[in-house]
Amino acid sequence: MQKTVIAPRIEVDKDVRFGKPVIAGTRVPVDLVIGKLAGGMTVEQVMAEYELKRDDVLAALSYAAQAISDEQIRAVR
């Protein structure tokens, strides 16, 4: 098992969730946390549902924001 920390509180491991970014020490994928928040769950509800700390949820948001800021989109006609 080889875990790689890719951001504060975020790690990847090819043997956990097919190498998707997860909250460190859990099997909870970052995209799941973001999706639940986007779907209307509160931070507190996500924390309770997945046994996360507030810092875990905020780390997922921070990682997602960074990933989007690095993205380049080119208009195609």
N, C-alpha and C. Protein backbone atom coordinates (compact mmCIF):
# COMPACT_ATOMS: atom_id res chain seq x y z
N MET A 1 0.86 -1.18 0.00
CA MET A 1 0.00 0.00 0.00
C MET A 1 0.90 1.24 0.00
N GLN A 2 0.72 2.09 -0.99
CA GLN A 2 1.53 3.30 -1.08
C GLN A 2 0.62 4.52 -1.16
N LYS A 3 0.52 5.22 -0.05
CA LYS A 3 -0.29 6.43 0.01
C LYS A 3 0.56 7.62 -0.39
N THR A 4 -0.03 8.53 -1.15
CA THR A 4 0.64 9.75 -1.52
C THR A 4 -0.22 10.92 -1.09
N VAL A 5 0.33 11.79 -0.28
CA VAL A 5 -0.38 13.00 0.13
C VAL A 5 -0.28 14.00 -1.01
N ILE A 6 -1.44 14.44 -1.52
CA ILE A 6 -1.43 15.37 -2.65
C ILE A 6 -1.88 16.77 -2.25
N ALA A 7 -2.40 16.91 -1.06
CA ALA A 7 -2.82 18.20 -0.51
C ALA A 7 -3.04 17.97 0.99
N PRO A 8 -3.10 19.03 1.77
CA PRO A 8 -3.37 18.84 3.19
C PRO A 8 -4.66 18.03 3.41
N ARG A 9 -4.53 16.91 4.13
CA ARG A 9 -5.64 16.02 4.48
C ARG A 9 -6.22 15.23 3.30
N ILE A 10 -5.57 15.31 2.14
CA ILE A 10 -6.04 14.59 0.95
C ILE A 10 -4.92 13.67 0.48
N GLU A 11 -5.27 12.40 0.19
CA GLU A 11 -4.28 11.45 -0.26
C GLU A 11 -4.84 10.55 -1.35
N VAL A 12 -3.95 9.90 -2.06
CA VAL A 12 -4.34 8.89 -3.04
C VAL A 12 -3.56 7.61 -2.76
N ASP A 13 -4.20 6.50 -3.05
CA ASP A 13 -3.60 5.18 -2.90
C ASP A 13 -4.26 4.32 -3.97
N LYS A 14 -3.47 3.72 -4.82
CA LYS A 14 -4.03 2.95 -5.94
C LYS A 14 -4.94 1.82 -5.47
N ASP A 15 -4.79 1.39 -4.22
CA ASP A 15 -5.61 0.32 -3.68
C ASP A 15 -6.86 0.81 -2.95
N VAL A 16 -7.06 2.11 -2.90
CA VAL A 16 -8.23 2.68 -2.23
C VAL A 16 -9.02 3.50 -3.24
N ARG A 17 -10.25 3.10 -3.48
CA ARG A 17 -11.14 3.82 -4.40
C ARG A 17 -10.49 4.06 -5.77
N PHE A 18 -9.76 3.05 -6.24
CA PHE A 18 -9.16 3.09 -7.58
C PHE A 18 -8.21 4.28 -7.77
N GLY A 19 -7.60 4.73 -6.68
CA GLY A 19 -6.64 5.82 -6.76
C GLY A 19 -7.24 7.20 -6.79
N LYS A 20 -8.54 7.31 -6.52
CA LYS A 20 -9.18 8.63 -6.47
C LYS A 20 -8.74 9.36 -5.20
N PRO A 21 -8.69 10.68 -5.24
CA PRO A 21 -8.36 11.44 -4.02
C PRO A 21 -9.40 11.20 -2.93
N VAL A 22 -8.93 10.89 -1.74
CA VAL A 22 -9.80 10.65 -0.59
C VAL A 22 -9.34 11.49 0.59
N ILE A 23 -10.22 11.62 1.57
CA ILE A 23 -9.86 12.27 2.82
C ILE A 23 -8.85 11.35 3.52
N ALA A 24 -7.73 11.89 3.95
CA ALA A 24 -6.66 11.10 4.56
C ALA A 24 -7.19 10.25 5.71
N GLY A 25 -6.78 8.98 5.70
CA GLY A 25 -7.18 8.07 6.76
C GLY A 25 -8.56 7.49 6.61
N THR A 26 -9.23 7.79 5.49
CA THR A 26 -10.57 7.27 5.24
C THR A 26 -10.64 6.70 3.83
N ARG A 27 -11.81 6.22 3.47
CA ARG A 27 -12.07 5.78 2.10
C ARG A 27 -13.11 6.72 1.46
N VAL A 28 -13.27 7.90 2.03
CA VAL A 28 -14.27 8.86 1.55
C VAL A 28 -13.66 9.71 0.45
N PRO A 29 -14.16 9.56 -0.79
CA PRO A 29 -13.60 10.33 -1.91
C PRO A 29 -13.96 11.81 -1.82
N VAL A 30 -13.03 12.63 -2.27
CA VAL A 30 -13.24 14.08 -2.30
C VAL A 30 -14.47 14.41 -3.15
N ASP A 31 -14.63 13.77 -4.30
CA ASP A 31 -15.77 14.10 -5.17
C ASP A 31 -17.10 13.77 -4.51
N LEU A 32 -17.15 12.77 -3.64
CA LEU A 32 -18.38 12.46 -2.91
C LEU A 32 -18.73 13.59 -1.96
N VAL A 33 -17.73 14.07 -1.23
CA VAL A 33 -17.96 15.17 -0.28
C VAL A 33 -18.47 16.40 -1.02
N ILE A 34 -17.81 16.75 -2.12
CA ILE A 34 -18.22 17.93 -2.90
C ILE A 34 -19.62 17.74 -3.46
N GLY A 35 -19.90 16.56 -3.96
CA GLY A 35 -21.23 16.26 -4.51
C GLY A 35 -22.32 16.37 -3.47
N LYS A 36 -22.07 15.89 -2.27
CA LYS A 36 -23.07 15.98 -1.20
C LYS A 36 -23.34 17.43 -0.82
N LEU A 37 -22.27 18.23 -0.75
CA LEU A 37 -22.46 19.66 -0.45
C LEU A 37 -23.22 20.34 -1.58
N ALA A 38 -22.88 20.02 -2.82
CA ALA A 38 -23.57 20.62 -3.97
C ALA A 38 -25.03 20.19 -4.01
N GLY A 39 -25.31 19.00 -3.50
CA GLY A 39 -26.68 18.50 -3.48
C GLY A 39 -27.53 19.06 -2.36
N GLY A 40 -26.93 19.88 -1.50
CA GLY A 40 -27.71 20.54 -0.47
C GLY A 40 -27.42 20.12 0.96
N MET A 41 -26.59 19.12 1.15
CA MET A 41 -26.26 18.74 2.53
C MET A 41 -25.41 19.85 3.16
N THR A 42 -25.57 20.03 4.44
CA THR A 42 -24.73 20.99 5.15
C THR A 42 -23.40 20.34 5.51
N VAL A 43 -22.45 21.16 5.87
CA VAL A 43 -21.15 20.64 6.30
C VAL A 43 -21.37 19.70 7.48
N GLU A 44 -22.22 20.07 8.40
CA GLU A 44 -22.48 19.25 9.58
C GLU A 44 -23.10 17.91 9.20
N GLN A 45 -24.00 17.90 8.22
CA GLN A 45 -24.61 16.65 7.78
C GLN A 45 -23.57 15.73 7.13
N VAL A 46 -22.71 16.30 6.32
CA VAL A 46 -21.65 15.51 5.68
C VAL A 46 -20.72 14.95 6.75
N MET A 47 -20.38 15.77 7.72
CA MET A 47 -19.51 15.32 8.81
C MET A 47 -20.14 14.13 9.54
N ALA A 48 -21.40 14.23 9.86
CA ALA A 48 -22.09 13.17 10.59
C ALA A 48 -22.24 11.91 9.74
N GLU A 49 -22.60 12.07 8.48
CA GLU A 49 -22.84 10.94 7.58
C GLU A 49 -21.58 10.11 7.34
N TYR A 50 -20.43 10.77 7.22
CA TYR A 50 -19.20 10.08 6.85
C TYR A 50 -18.13 10.10 7.94
N GLU A 51 -18.53 10.51 9.15
CA GLU A 51 -17.62 10.55 10.30
C GLU A 51 -16.35 11.33 9.99
N LEU A 52 -16.55 12.54 9.47
CA LEU A 52 -15.45 13.43 9.12
C LEU A 52 -15.39 14.59 10.10
N LYS A 53 -14.27 15.25 10.12
CA LYS A 53 -14.12 16.49 10.88
C LYS A 53 -14.34 17.66 9.94
N ARG A 54 -14.64 18.80 10.53
CA ARG A 54 -14.85 20.01 9.72
C ARG A 54 -13.63 20.28 8.82
N ASP A 55 -12.44 20.11 9.37
CA ASP A 55 -11.22 20.34 8.59
C ASP A 55 -11.13 19.39 7.39
N ASP A 56 -11.68 18.19 7.51
CA ASP A 56 -11.69 17.25 6.39
C ASP A 56 -12.57 17.78 5.25
N VAL A 57 -13.75 18.25 5.60
CA VAL A 57 -14.67 18.78 4.60
C VAL A 57 -14.08 20.03 3.95
N LEU A 58 -13.50 20.90 4.75
CA LEU A 58 -12.89 22.11 4.21
C LEU A 58 -11.69 21.77 3.33
N ALA A 59 -10.95 20.72 3.68
CA ALA A 59 -9.82 20.29 2.86
C ALA A 59 -10.31 19.79 1.50
N ALA A 60 -11.43 19.09 1.48
CA ALA A 60 -12.00 18.62 0.22
C ALA A 60 -12.40 19.82 -0.65
N LEU A 61 -13.01 20.81 -0.06
CA LEU A 61 -13.38 22.02 -0.81
C LEU A 61 -12.14 22.74 -1.33
N SER A 62 -11.14 22.85 -0.51
CA SER A 62 -9.91 23.52 -0.91
C SER A 62 -9.23 22.78 -2.06
N TYR A 63 -9.16 21.45 -1.95
CA TYR A 63 -8.55 20.65 -3.01
C TYR A 63 -9.33 20.82 -4.32
N ALA A 64 -10.64 20.77 -4.25
CA ALA A 64 -11.47 20.92 -5.45
C ALA A 64 -11.28 22.30 -6.08
N ALA A 65 -11.22 23.33 -5.25
CA ALA A 65 -11.00 24.68 -5.77
C ALA A 65 -9.66 24.78 -6.47
N GLN A 66 -8.63 24.18 -5.88
CA GLN A 66 -7.30 24.21 -6.49
C GLN A 66 -7.29 23.44 -7.80
N ALA A 67 -7.95 22.29 -7.83
CA ALA A 67 -8.00 21.48 -9.05
C ALA A 67 -8.69 22.23 -10.18
N ILE A 68 -9.75 22.95 -9.85
CA ILE A 68 -10.47 23.72 -10.87
C ILE A 68 -9.64 24.92 -11.32
N SER A 69 -8.93 25.55 -10.41
CA SER A 69 -8.15 26.73 -10.79
C SER A 69 -7.00 26.37 -11.72
N ASP A 70 -6.54 25.13 -11.65
CA ASP A 70 -5.46 24.68 -12.52
C ASP A 70 -5.96 24.22 -13.89
N GLU A 71 -7.27 24.06 -14.03
CA GLU A 71 -7.86 23.55 -15.26
C GLU A 71 -7.84 24.62 -16.36
N GLN A 72 -7.52 24.21 -17.55
CA GLN A 72 -7.56 25.11 -18.70
C GLN A 72 -8.64 24.63 -19.65
N ILE A 73 -9.52 25.54 -20.00
CA ILE A 73 -10.61 25.21 -20.92
C ILE A 73 -10.45 26.06 -22.17
N ARG A 74 -10.53 25.41 -23.30
CA ARG A 74 -10.40 26.11 -24.57
C ARG A 74 -11.73 26.03 -25.30
N ALA A 75 -12.18 27.17 -25.77
CA ALA A 75 -13.43 27.22 -26.54
C ALA A 75 -13.21 26.55 -27.91
N VAL A 76 -14.15 25.73 -28.31
CA VAL A 76 -14.08 25.07 -29.60
C VAL A 76 -15.32 25.46 -30.40
N ARG A 77 -15.09 25.86 -31.61
CA ARG A 77 -16.24 26.26 -32.46
C ARG A 77 -16.54 25.20 -33.46
